[in-house]
Amino acid sequence: MSEIKDIVVQGLWKNNSALVQLLGLCPLLAVTSTATNALGLGLATTLVLTLTNLTVSALRRWTPAEIRIPIYVMIIASVVSAVQMLINAYAFGLYQSLGIFIPLIVTNCIVVGRAEAFAAKKGPWLSALDGFSIGMGATGAMFVLGSLREILGNGTLFDGADSLLGGWAKVLRVEIFHTDSPFLLAMLPPGAFI
């Protein structure tokens, strides 16, 4: 039980890929203009990490050491393609707003790093838990940054949540303060540096 707890704590906080390791900053800075975009990309990354770690771990005995990295990249690309098609089919508005950053999950150092550092050495279930924990840690960081940027830029929270969760999610929109002229810098990619 302590190994499971350690994996979860490491992924969520102590070894958080976005806050501690500073990996995956390109999508973190570019896409997190709203809480909805941040949550959508974070959940997609979590799904990719979980499925990739599970697959890499399950195939680790049959993966030749000399060509393991290209095999990992092919596995990651396959999983990302499947996740991209799911988002395109079931959350088209989110798919349009995330744009190129969904396929760029393939090149994310977090995914390749966890496949090499953890999944290639541990069993499938612990590897899936590691991927889920690392993904949720990154999702949390993206969500906090996206929420702050949306509040500063528009004065709202969860504006456009229906693109991620469906029509019922329009009721989640909260207007924290009204603004006639939004703080545009907070909503643009450079606004992540604020």
N, C-alpha and C. Protein backbone atom coordinates (compact mmCIF):
# COMPACT_ATOMS: atom_id res chain seq x y z
N MET A 1 0.82 -1.20 0.00
CA MET A 1 0.00 0.00 0.00
C MET A 1 0.86 1.26 0.00
N SER A 2 2.01 1.20 0.67
CA SER A 2 2.85 2.40 0.73
C SER A 2 3.43 2.74 -0.64
N GLU A 3 3.67 1.71 -1.50
CA GLU A 3 4.18 1.99 -2.84
C GLU A 3 3.13 2.71 -3.68
N ILE A 4 1.87 2.30 -3.53
CA ILE A 4 0.77 2.96 -4.26
C ILE A 4 0.63 4.40 -3.79
N LYS A 5 0.67 4.61 -2.48
CA LYS A 5 0.56 5.96 -1.93
C LYS A 5 1.73 6.82 -2.41
N ASP A 6 2.92 6.24 -2.42
CA ASP A 6 4.10 6.98 -2.86
C ASP A 6 3.98 7.38 -4.33
N ILE A 7 3.48 6.47 -5.17
CA ILE A 7 3.30 6.78 -6.60
C ILE A 7 2.33 7.94 -6.78
N VAL A 8 1.22 7.90 -6.03
CA VAL A 8 0.20 8.95 -6.15
C VAL A 8 0.75 10.29 -5.66
N VAL A 9 1.41 10.29 -4.50
CA VAL A 9 1.95 11.55 -3.94
C VAL A 9 3.03 12.11 -4.85
N GLN A 10 3.90 11.23 -5.37
CA GLN A 10 4.94 11.69 -6.29
C GLN A 10 4.33 12.33 -7.54
N GLY A 11 3.33 11.68 -8.11
CA GLY A 11 2.72 12.19 -9.34
C GLY A 11 1.95 13.47 -9.16
N LEU A 12 1.21 13.56 -8.06
CA LEU A 12 0.37 14.73 -7.85
C LEU A 12 1.15 15.94 -7.34
N TRP A 13 2.17 15.72 -6.51
CA TRP A 13 2.78 16.86 -5.87
C TRP A 13 4.30 16.87 -5.90
N LYS A 14 4.94 15.89 -5.29
CA LYS A 14 6.39 15.95 -5.09
C LYS A 14 7.18 15.91 -6.40
N ASN A 15 6.69 15.21 -7.38
CA ASN A 15 7.38 15.08 -8.66
C ASN A 15 6.48 15.58 -9.79
N ASN A 16 5.67 16.59 -9.50
CA ASN A 16 4.72 17.12 -10.47
C ASN A 16 5.47 17.56 -11.73
N SER A 17 5.04 17.03 -12.85
CA SER A 17 5.76 17.27 -14.11
C SER A 17 5.77 18.74 -14.51
N ALA A 18 4.72 19.46 -14.23
CA ALA A 18 4.64 20.86 -14.64
C ALA A 18 5.30 21.79 -13.63
N LEU A 19 5.12 21.53 -12.35
CA LEU A 19 5.61 22.45 -11.32
C LEU A 19 7.03 22.16 -10.86
N VAL A 20 7.40 20.89 -10.79
CA VAL A 20 8.72 20.52 -10.26
C VAL A 20 9.70 20.23 -11.39
N GLN A 21 9.30 19.37 -12.32
CA GLN A 21 10.20 18.98 -13.40
C GLN A 21 10.23 19.99 -14.54
N LEU A 22 9.24 20.86 -14.61
CA LEU A 22 9.10 21.87 -15.66
C LEU A 22 9.10 21.26 -17.06
N LEU A 23 8.38 20.13 -17.19
CA LEU A 23 8.22 19.48 -18.49
C LEU A 23 6.85 19.82 -19.06
N GLY A 24 6.74 19.82 -20.36
CA GLY A 24 5.47 20.08 -21.01
C GLY A 24 5.01 21.52 -20.89
N LEU A 25 5.95 22.44 -20.84
CA LEU A 25 5.58 23.84 -20.64
C LEU A 25 4.96 24.48 -21.88
N CYS A 26 5.28 24.00 -23.07
CA CYS A 26 4.71 24.59 -24.28
C CYS A 26 3.19 24.53 -24.26
N PRO A 27 2.56 23.36 -24.10
CA PRO A 27 1.10 23.37 -24.02
C PRO A 27 0.59 24.03 -22.75
N LEU A 28 1.34 23.91 -21.67
CA LEU A 28 0.92 24.54 -20.42
C LEU A 28 0.77 26.04 -20.59
N LEU A 29 1.71 26.66 -21.27
CA LEU A 29 1.68 28.11 -21.43
C LEU A 29 0.75 28.55 -22.56
N ALA A 30 0.66 27.78 -23.62
CA ALA A 30 -0.08 28.22 -24.80
C ALA A 30 -1.57 27.95 -24.71
N VAL A 31 -1.99 26.85 -24.13
CA VAL A 31 -3.38 26.42 -24.21
C VAL A 31 -4.19 26.84 -23.00
N THR A 32 -3.56 27.16 -21.91
CA THR A 32 -4.29 27.40 -20.66
C THR A 32 -4.88 28.80 -20.57
N SER A 33 -5.45 29.29 -21.64
CA SER A 33 -6.07 30.62 -21.61
C SER A 33 -7.41 30.60 -20.89
N THR A 34 -8.05 29.43 -20.81
CA THR A 34 -9.30 29.28 -20.05
C THR A 34 -9.23 28.00 -19.24
N ALA A 35 -10.06 27.93 -18.22
CA ALA A 35 -10.13 26.73 -17.39
C ALA A 35 -10.60 25.54 -18.20
N THR A 36 -11.52 25.75 -19.13
CA THR A 36 -12.04 24.66 -19.95
C THR A 36 -10.97 24.07 -20.85
N ASN A 37 -10.21 24.93 -21.54
CA ASN A 37 -9.12 24.44 -22.39
C ASN A 37 -8.08 23.69 -21.57
N ALA A 38 -7.73 24.25 -20.42
CA ALA A 38 -6.74 23.61 -19.56
C ALA A 38 -7.21 22.24 -19.09
N LEU A 39 -8.46 22.18 -18.68
CA LEU A 39 -9.01 20.91 -18.21
C LEU A 39 -9.09 19.89 -19.36
N GLY A 40 -9.48 20.34 -20.54
CA GLY A 40 -9.57 19.44 -21.69
C GLY A 40 -8.22 18.87 -22.08
N LEU A 41 -7.20 19.72 -22.20
CA LEU A 41 -5.87 19.23 -22.56
C LEU A 41 -5.28 18.40 -21.44
N GLY A 42 -5.54 18.78 -20.20
CA GLY A 42 -5.03 18.01 -19.07
C GLY A 42 -5.61 16.62 -19.02
N LEU A 43 -6.91 16.50 -19.24
CA LEU A 43 -7.55 15.18 -19.23
C LEU A 43 -7.09 14.33 -20.42
N ALA A 44 -6.89 14.97 -21.57
CA ALA A 44 -6.37 14.23 -22.73
C ALA A 44 -4.96 13.72 -22.44
N THR A 45 -4.13 14.55 -21.84
CA THR A 45 -2.77 14.15 -21.48
C THR A 45 -2.79 13.03 -20.45
N THR A 46 -3.70 13.12 -19.48
CA THR A 46 -3.82 12.07 -18.47
C THR A 46 -4.20 10.74 -19.10
N LEU A 47 -5.16 10.78 -20.01
CA LEU A 47 -5.57 9.55 -20.70
C LEU A 47 -4.42 8.96 -21.51
N VAL A 48 -3.68 9.82 -22.20
CA VAL A 48 -2.53 9.35 -22.99
C VAL A 48 -1.47 8.75 -22.07
N LEU A 49 -1.15 9.43 -20.98
CA LEU A 49 -0.15 8.92 -20.05
C LEU A 49 -0.55 7.57 -19.47
N THR A 50 -1.80 7.44 -19.06
CA THR A 50 -2.27 6.20 -18.45
C THR A 50 -2.21 5.05 -19.45
N LEU A 51 -2.77 5.25 -20.63
CA LEU A 51 -2.79 4.18 -21.63
C LEU A 51 -1.40 3.85 -22.16
N THR A 52 -0.57 4.85 -22.33
CA THR A 52 0.79 4.62 -22.81
C THR A 52 1.60 3.84 -21.78
N ASN A 53 1.55 4.26 -20.52
CA ASN A 53 2.28 3.54 -19.48
C ASN A 53 1.81 2.09 -19.38
N LEU A 54 0.51 1.90 -19.45
CA LEU A 54 -0.05 0.55 -19.39
C LEU A 54 0.47 -0.31 -20.55
N THR A 55 0.46 0.23 -21.75
CA THR A 55 0.90 -0.51 -22.93
C THR A 55 2.40 -0.78 -22.91
N VAL A 56 3.19 0.24 -22.59
CA VAL A 56 4.65 0.07 -22.54
C VAL A 56 5.02 -0.97 -21.50
N SER A 57 4.38 -0.91 -20.35
CA SER A 57 4.68 -1.88 -19.30
C SER A 57 4.28 -3.29 -19.69
N ALA A 58 3.13 -3.43 -20.34
CA ALA A 58 2.67 -4.76 -20.76
C ALA A 58 3.58 -5.37 -21.82
N LEU A 59 4.21 -4.53 -22.64
CA LEU A 59 5.07 -5.01 -23.73
C LEU A 59 6.55 -4.97 -23.39
N ARG A 60 6.91 -4.60 -22.18
CA ARG A 60 8.32 -4.37 -21.84
C ARG A 60 9.20 -5.61 -22.00
N ARG A 61 8.67 -6.78 -21.78
CA ARG A 61 9.47 -8.02 -21.90
C ARG A 61 9.82 -8.33 -23.35
N TRP A 62 9.03 -7.86 -24.29
CA TRP A 62 9.25 -8.16 -25.70
C TRP A 62 9.82 -6.97 -26.47
N THR A 63 10.16 -5.90 -25.78
CA THR A 63 10.70 -4.72 -26.43
C THR A 63 12.22 -4.77 -26.40
N PRO A 64 12.88 -4.87 -27.56
CA PRO A 64 14.35 -4.87 -27.57
C PRO A 64 14.90 -3.54 -27.05
N ALA A 65 15.90 -3.60 -26.22
CA ALA A 65 16.46 -2.40 -25.59
C ALA A 65 17.01 -1.41 -26.62
N GLU A 66 17.52 -1.93 -27.73
CA GLU A 66 18.15 -1.07 -28.73
C GLU A 66 17.14 -0.16 -29.44
N ILE A 67 15.91 -0.60 -29.56
CA ILE A 67 14.91 0.18 -30.31
C ILE A 67 13.72 0.57 -29.43
N ARG A 68 13.91 0.62 -28.13
CA ARG A 68 12.77 0.87 -27.24
C ARG A 68 12.18 2.27 -27.41
N ILE A 69 13.01 3.30 -27.60
CA ILE A 69 12.49 4.67 -27.72
C ILE A 69 11.61 4.82 -28.96
N PRO A 70 12.03 4.37 -30.15
CA PRO A 70 11.11 4.45 -31.30
C PRO A 70 9.82 3.67 -31.09
N ILE A 71 9.91 2.54 -30.40
CA ILE A 71 8.70 1.77 -30.11
C ILE A 71 7.79 2.57 -29.17
N TYR A 72 8.37 3.21 -28.16
CA TYR A 72 7.57 4.04 -27.25
C TYR A 72 6.89 5.16 -28.01
N VAL A 73 7.62 5.81 -28.91
CA VAL A 73 7.04 6.91 -29.68
C VAL A 73 5.90 6.42 -30.56
N MET A 74 6.04 5.23 -31.14
CA MET A 74 4.95 4.67 -31.96
C MET A 74 3.72 4.36 -31.10
N ILE A 75 3.94 3.83 -29.91
CA ILE A 75 2.83 3.55 -28.99
C ILE A 75 2.15 4.86 -28.60
N ILE A 76 2.95 5.86 -28.24
CA ILE A 76 2.41 7.16 -27.84
C ILE A 76 1.63 7.79 -28.99
N ALA A 77 2.18 7.74 -30.20
CA ALA A 77 1.50 8.32 -31.36
C ALA A 77 0.17 7.62 -31.63
N SER A 78 0.13 6.32 -31.46
CA SER A 78 -1.12 5.58 -31.66
C SER A 78 -2.17 5.98 -30.64
N VAL A 79 -1.76 6.08 -29.38
CA VAL A 79 -2.70 6.46 -28.32
C VAL A 79 -3.18 7.90 -28.53
N VAL A 80 -2.26 8.80 -28.86
CA VAL A 80 -2.64 10.20 -29.09
C VAL A 80 -3.61 10.31 -30.26
N SER A 81 -3.38 9.55 -31.32
CA SER A 81 -4.29 9.58 -32.47
C SER A 81 -5.69 9.13 -32.07
N ALA A 82 -5.76 8.08 -31.26
CA ALA A 82 -7.07 7.60 -30.79
C ALA A 82 -7.76 8.64 -29.91
N VAL A 83 -7.01 9.27 -29.01
CA VAL A 83 -7.58 10.30 -28.14
C VAL A 83 -8.02 11.50 -28.96
N GLN A 84 -7.23 11.88 -29.95
CA GLN A 84 -7.60 13.00 -30.82
C GLN A 84 -8.90 12.72 -31.56
N MET A 85 -9.06 11.49 -32.06
CA MET A 85 -10.30 11.14 -32.75
C MET A 85 -11.49 11.14 -31.80
N LEU A 86 -11.28 10.70 -30.56
CA LEU A 86 -12.36 10.74 -29.57
C LEU A 86 -12.79 12.18 -29.27
N ILE A 87 -11.82 13.06 -29.09
CA ILE A 87 -12.15 14.47 -28.81
C ILE A 87 -12.84 15.09 -30.02
N ASN A 88 -12.37 14.77 -31.22
CA ASN A 88 -13.00 15.28 -32.44
C ASN A 88 -14.44 14.81 -32.54
N ALA A 89 -14.70 13.57 -32.16
CA ALA A 89 -16.04 13.01 -32.28
C ALA A 89 -16.99 13.49 -31.19
N TYR A 90 -16.51 13.62 -29.96
CA TYR A 90 -17.41 13.87 -28.84
C TYR A 90 -17.30 15.26 -28.22
N ALA A 91 -16.26 16.02 -28.54
CA ALA A 91 -16.12 17.38 -28.01
C ALA A 91 -15.49 18.25 -29.09
N PHE A 92 -16.23 18.46 -30.16
CA PHE A 92 -15.68 19.14 -31.33
C PHE A 92 -15.26 20.58 -31.03
N GLY A 93 -16.02 21.28 -30.22
CA GLY A 93 -15.64 22.65 -29.86
C GLY A 93 -14.29 22.69 -29.15
N LEU A 94 -14.09 21.76 -28.25
CA LEU A 94 -12.81 21.66 -27.56
C LEU A 94 -11.70 21.27 -28.54
N TYR A 95 -12.02 20.37 -29.44
CA TYR A 95 -11.06 19.95 -30.46
C TYR A 95 -10.58 21.15 -31.27
N GLN A 96 -11.51 22.03 -31.64
CA GLN A 96 -11.15 23.22 -32.41
C GLN A 96 -10.32 24.20 -31.58
N SER A 97 -10.65 24.35 -30.30
CA SER A 97 -9.91 25.33 -29.50
C SER A 97 -8.52 24.83 -29.11
N LEU A 98 -8.34 23.52 -28.96
CA LEU A 98 -7.02 22.99 -28.62
C LEU A 98 -6.12 22.89 -29.83
N GLY A 99 -6.72 22.68 -31.00
CA GLY A 99 -5.98 22.70 -32.25
C GLY A 99 -4.80 21.75 -32.31
N ILE A 100 -3.65 22.29 -32.66
CA ILE A 100 -2.45 21.49 -32.88
C ILE A 100 -1.89 20.90 -31.59
N PHE A 101 -2.33 21.38 -30.46
CA PHE A 101 -1.73 20.93 -29.20
C PHE A 101 -2.15 19.52 -28.81
N ILE A 102 -3.22 18.99 -29.38
CA ILE A 102 -3.56 17.59 -29.11
C ILE A 102 -2.52 16.67 -29.75
N PRO A 103 -2.23 16.79 -31.07
CA PRO A 103 -1.20 15.92 -31.62
C PRO A 103 0.19 16.16 -31.05
N LEU A 104 0.44 17.35 -30.53
CA LEU A 104 1.75 17.63 -29.95
C LEU A 104 1.99 16.90 -28.63
N ILE A 105 0.96 16.25 -28.09
CA ILE A 105 1.16 15.43 -26.90
C ILE A 105 2.19 14.34 -27.19
N VAL A 106 2.28 13.91 -28.45
CA VAL A 106 3.25 12.88 -28.84
C VAL A 106 4.66 13.30 -28.47
N THR A 107 4.98 14.57 -28.66
CA THR A 107 6.34 15.06 -28.42
C THR A 107 6.56 15.52 -26.99
N ASN A 108 5.56 15.41 -26.16
CA ASN A 108 5.66 15.89 -24.80
C ASN A 108 6.66 15.04 -24.01
N CYS A 109 7.60 15.68 -23.40
CA CYS A 109 8.65 14.98 -22.64
C CYS A 109 8.09 14.20 -21.46
N ILE A 110 6.97 14.64 -20.93
CA ILE A 110 6.37 13.93 -19.80
C ILE A 110 6.04 12.50 -20.20
N VAL A 111 5.41 12.33 -21.35
CA VAL A 111 4.92 11.02 -21.77
C VAL A 111 6.09 10.08 -22.05
N VAL A 112 7.05 10.53 -22.84
CA VAL A 112 8.21 9.69 -23.15
C VAL A 112 9.03 9.42 -21.90
N GLY A 113 9.18 10.43 -21.06
CA GLY A 113 9.96 10.28 -19.83
C GLY A 113 9.37 9.26 -18.88
N ARG A 114 8.05 9.28 -18.72
CA ARG A 114 7.43 8.30 -17.81
C ARG A 114 7.46 6.91 -18.40
N ALA A 115 7.35 6.80 -19.72
CA ALA A 115 7.45 5.48 -20.35
C ALA A 115 8.84 4.88 -20.10
N GLU A 116 9.87 5.71 -20.24
CA GLU A 116 11.24 5.24 -20.06
C GLU A 116 11.60 5.05 -18.58
N ALA A 117 11.25 6.00 -17.74
CA ALA A 117 11.69 5.96 -16.35
C ALA A 117 10.87 5.02 -15.47
N PHE A 118 9.60 4.84 -15.76
CA PHE A 118 8.75 4.06 -14.86
C PHE A 118 8.14 2.83 -15.53
N ALA A 119 7.42 3.04 -16.61
CA ALA A 119 6.64 1.95 -17.20
C ALA A 119 7.51 0.83 -17.74
N ALA A 120 8.71 1.14 -18.20
CA ALA A 120 9.59 0.10 -18.74
C ALA A 120 10.16 -0.79 -17.65
N LYS A 121 9.99 -0.40 -16.38
CA LYS A 121 10.59 -1.14 -15.28
C LYS A 121 9.58 -1.76 -14.32
N LYS A 122 8.34 -1.32 -14.36
CA LYS A 122 7.33 -1.76 -13.39
C LYS A 122 6.20 -2.51 -14.08
N GLY A 123 5.31 -3.08 -13.27
CA GLY A 123 4.17 -3.81 -13.78
C GLY A 123 3.11 -2.90 -14.38
N PRO A 124 2.17 -3.49 -15.13
CA PRO A 124 1.17 -2.68 -15.84
C PRO A 124 0.28 -1.83 -14.92
N TRP A 125 -0.17 -2.37 -13.81
CA TRP A 125 -1.12 -1.62 -12.98
C TRP A 125 -0.45 -0.47 -12.25
N LEU A 126 0.77 -0.70 -11.75
CA LEU A 126 1.50 0.41 -11.12
C LEU A 126 1.87 1.46 -12.16
N SER A 127 2.20 1.02 -13.36
CA SER A 127 2.53 1.97 -14.44
C SER A 127 1.32 2.80 -14.84
N ALA A 128 0.15 2.17 -14.91
CA ALA A 128 -1.07 2.91 -15.23
C ALA A 128 -1.37 3.91 -14.12
N LEU A 129 -1.18 3.51 -12.87
CA LEU A 129 -1.40 4.43 -11.74
C LEU A 129 -0.42 5.59 -11.80
N ASP A 130 0.84 5.31 -12.14
CA ASP A 130 1.83 6.37 -12.28
C ASP A 130 1.43 7.35 -13.37
N GLY A 131 1.01 6.83 -14.52
CA GLY A 131 0.57 7.71 -15.61
C GLY A 131 -0.62 8.56 -15.22
N PHE A 132 -1.57 7.94 -14.52
CA PHE A 132 -2.75 8.68 -14.07
C PHE A 132 -2.36 9.76 -13.07
N SER A 133 -1.49 9.44 -12.13
CA SER A 133 -1.08 10.41 -11.10
C SER A 133 -0.30 11.56 -11.71
N ILE A 134 0.66 11.25 -12.57
CA ILE A 134 1.43 12.30 -13.24
C ILE A 134 0.50 13.18 -14.08
N GLY A 135 -0.42 12.55 -14.79
CA GLY A 135 -1.37 13.29 -15.62
C GLY A 135 -2.28 14.19 -14.81
N MET A 136 -2.77 13.68 -13.69
CA MET A 136 -3.65 14.50 -12.85
C MET A 136 -2.88 15.65 -12.20
N GLY A 137 -1.61 15.42 -11.86
CA GLY A 137 -0.78 16.51 -11.35
C GLY A 137 -0.60 17.61 -12.38
N ALA A 138 -0.34 17.21 -13.62
CA ALA A 138 -0.21 18.19 -14.71
C ALA A 138 -1.54 18.87 -14.99
N THR A 139 -2.64 18.11 -14.92
CA THR A 139 -3.97 18.68 -15.14
C THR A 139 -4.28 19.72 -14.07
N GLY A 140 -3.93 19.42 -12.84
CA GLY A 140 -4.15 20.38 -11.75
C GLY A 140 -3.40 21.68 -11.99
N ALA A 141 -2.14 21.58 -12.40
CA ALA A 141 -1.35 22.78 -12.67
C ALA A 141 -1.94 23.56 -13.84
N MET A 142 -2.34 22.85 -14.90
CA MET A 142 -2.96 23.52 -16.05
C MET A 142 -4.27 24.19 -15.66
N PHE A 143 -5.06 23.49 -14.85
CA PHE A 143 -6.36 24.03 -14.45
C PHE A 143 -6.21 25.30 -13.61
N VAL A 144 -5.28 25.30 -12.67
CA VAL A 144 -5.06 26.49 -11.84
C VAL A 144 -4.61 27.66 -12.70
N LEU A 145 -3.65 27.42 -13.59
CA LEU A 145 -3.17 28.50 -14.46
C LEU A 145 -4.28 28.97 -15.40
N GLY A 146 -5.02 28.04 -15.99
CA GLY A 146 -6.12 28.41 -16.89
C GLY A 146 -7.21 29.18 -16.18
N SER A 147 -7.52 28.78 -14.96
CA SER A 147 -8.55 29.49 -14.18
C SER A 147 -8.10 30.92 -13.87
N LEU A 148 -6.86 31.07 -13.42
CA LEU A 148 -6.35 32.41 -13.12
C LEU A 148 -6.34 33.30 -14.35
N ARG A 149 -5.92 32.76 -15.48
CA ARG A 149 -5.88 33.55 -16.70
C ARG A 149 -7.28 33.93 -17.17
N GLU A 150 -8.23 33.00 -17.04
CA GLU A 150 -9.60 33.31 -17.46
C GLU A 150 -10.22 34.37 -16.55
N ILE A 151 -9.98 34.26 -15.26
CA ILE A 151 -10.52 35.25 -14.31
C ILE A 151 -9.91 36.62 -14.58
N LEU A 152 -8.58 36.68 -14.74
CA LEU A 152 -7.93 37.96 -15.01
C LEU A 152 -8.33 38.53 -16.36
N GLY A 153 -8.46 37.68 -17.37
CA GLY A 153 -8.73 38.15 -18.72
C GLY A 153 -10.17 38.49 -19.00
N ASN A 154 -11.10 37.64 -18.54
CA ASN A 154 -12.52 37.83 -18.86
C ASN A 154 -13.39 38.12 -17.66
N GLY A 155 -12.89 37.83 -16.47
CA GLY A 155 -13.73 37.97 -15.28
C GLY A 155 -14.70 36.82 -15.11
N THR A 156 -14.47 35.72 -15.83
CA THR A 156 -15.37 34.57 -15.76
C THR A 156 -14.59 33.32 -15.37
N LEU A 157 -15.34 32.28 -15.06
CA LEU A 157 -14.77 30.96 -14.82
C LEU A 157 -15.68 29.94 -15.49
N PHE A 158 -15.11 29.00 -16.17
CA PHE A 158 -15.82 27.95 -16.92
C PHE A 158 -16.67 28.50 -18.06
N ASP A 159 -16.25 29.61 -18.63
CA ASP A 159 -16.92 30.10 -19.83
C ASP A 159 -16.55 29.15 -20.97
N GLY A 160 -17.54 28.58 -21.61
CA GLY A 160 -17.31 27.61 -22.68
C GLY A 160 -17.16 26.19 -22.19
N ALA A 161 -17.57 25.91 -20.96
CA ALA A 161 -17.47 24.54 -20.43
C ALA A 161 -18.34 23.57 -21.21
N ASP A 162 -19.34 24.09 -21.90
CA ASP A 162 -20.20 23.21 -22.71
C ASP A 162 -19.44 22.57 -23.86
N SER A 163 -18.34 23.17 -24.30
CA SER A 163 -17.55 22.55 -25.37
C SER A 163 -16.83 21.30 -24.88
N LEU A 164 -16.62 21.20 -23.58
CA LEU A 164 -15.97 20.02 -23.00
C LEU A 164 -16.97 19.02 -22.44
N LEU A 165 -17.99 19.53 -21.77
CA LEU A 165 -18.89 18.66 -21.02
C LEU A 165 -20.28 18.51 -21.62
N GLY A 166 -20.60 19.27 -22.64
CA GLY A 166 -21.93 19.19 -23.24
C GLY A 166 -22.78 20.39 -22.86
N GLY A 167 -23.98 20.44 -23.42
CA GLY A 167 -24.87 21.59 -23.25
C GLY A 167 -25.25 21.90 -21.82
N TRP A 168 -25.36 20.88 -20.97
CA TRP A 168 -25.75 21.11 -19.58
C TRP A 168 -24.71 21.95 -18.83
N ALA A 169 -23.46 21.99 -19.31
CA ALA A 169 -22.39 22.66 -18.58
C ALA A 169 -22.43 24.18 -18.71
N LYS A 170 -23.38 24.71 -19.50
CA LYS A 170 -23.50 26.17 -19.58
C LYS A 170 -23.83 26.77 -18.22
N VAL A 171 -24.47 25.99 -17.35
CA VAL A 171 -24.83 26.49 -16.02
C VAL A 171 -23.61 26.61 -15.11
N LEU A 172 -22.48 26.04 -15.50
CA LEU A 172 -21.27 26.13 -14.68
C LEU A 172 -20.57 27.49 -14.80
N ARG A 173 -20.93 28.25 -15.82
CA ARG A 173 -20.28 29.55 -16.05
C ARG A 173 -20.54 30.48 -14.87
N VAL A 174 -19.46 31.05 -14.36
CA VAL A 174 -19.54 31.98 -13.24
C VAL A 174 -18.91 33.30 -13.69
N GLU A 175 -19.65 34.39 -13.52
CA GLU A 175 -19.08 35.70 -13.82
C GLU A 175 -18.62 36.31 -12.51
N ILE A 176 -17.32 36.38 -12.32
CA ILE A 176 -16.75 36.87 -11.07
C ILE A 176 -16.80 38.38 -11.03
N PHE A 177 -16.48 39.02 -12.13
CA PHE A 177 -16.67 40.46 -12.25
C PHE A 177 -16.97 40.78 -13.70
N HIS A 178 -17.72 41.84 -13.91
CA HIS A 178 -18.12 42.24 -15.26
C HIS A 178 -17.07 43.20 -15.82
N THR A 179 -16.73 42.96 -17.08
CA THR A 179 -15.79 43.85 -17.73
C THR A 179 -16.25 44.13 -19.16
N ASP A 180 -16.16 45.38 -19.55
CA ASP A 180 -16.49 45.74 -20.93
C ASP A 180 -15.28 45.60 -21.84
N SER A 181 -14.11 45.74 -21.27
CA SER A 181 -12.88 45.58 -22.05
C SER A 181 -11.97 44.60 -21.31
N PRO A 182 -11.93 43.35 -21.78
CA PRO A 182 -11.15 42.34 -21.07
C PRO A 182 -9.65 42.61 -21.13
N PHE A 183 -8.93 42.06 -20.18
CA PHE A 183 -7.48 42.16 -20.12
C PHE A 183 -6.92 41.14 -21.10
N LEU A 184 -6.75 41.58 -22.34
CA LEU A 184 -6.44 40.69 -23.45
C LEU A 184 -5.12 39.95 -23.26
N LEU A 185 -4.14 40.58 -22.66
CA LEU A 185 -2.84 39.93 -22.48
C LEU A 185 -2.95 38.63 -21.69
N ALA A 186 -3.83 38.59 -20.71
CA ALA A 186 -3.99 37.38 -19.91
C ALA A 186 -4.56 36.23 -20.73
N MET A 187 -5.29 36.54 -21.79
CA MET A 187 -5.92 35.50 -22.60
C MET A 187 -5.03 35.01 -23.75
N LEU A 188 -4.00 35.75 -24.08
CA LEU A 188 -3.09 35.36 -25.16
C LEU A 188 -1.95 34.50 -24.59
N PRO A 189 -1.27 33.71 -25.43
CA PRO A 189 -0.20 32.84 -24.92
C PRO A 189 0.84 33.53 -24.04
N PRO A 190 1.29 34.77 -24.34
CA PRO A 190 2.26 35.40 -23.43
C PRO A 190 1.69 35.68 -22.04
N GLY A 191 0.37 35.68 -21.92
CA GLY A 191 -0.26 35.93 -20.63
C GLY A 191 0.03 34.86 -19.59
N ALA A 192 0.52 33.71 -20.02
CA ALA A 192 0.86 32.65 -19.06
C ALA A 192 2.06 33.04 -18.21
N PHE A 193 2.82 34.01 -18.65
CA PHE A 193 4.00 34.44 -17.89
C PHE A 193 3.66 35.46 -16.81
N ILE A 194 2.42 35.89 -16.75
CA ILE A 194 2.02 36.89 -15.75
C ILE A 194 2.18 36.33 -14.36
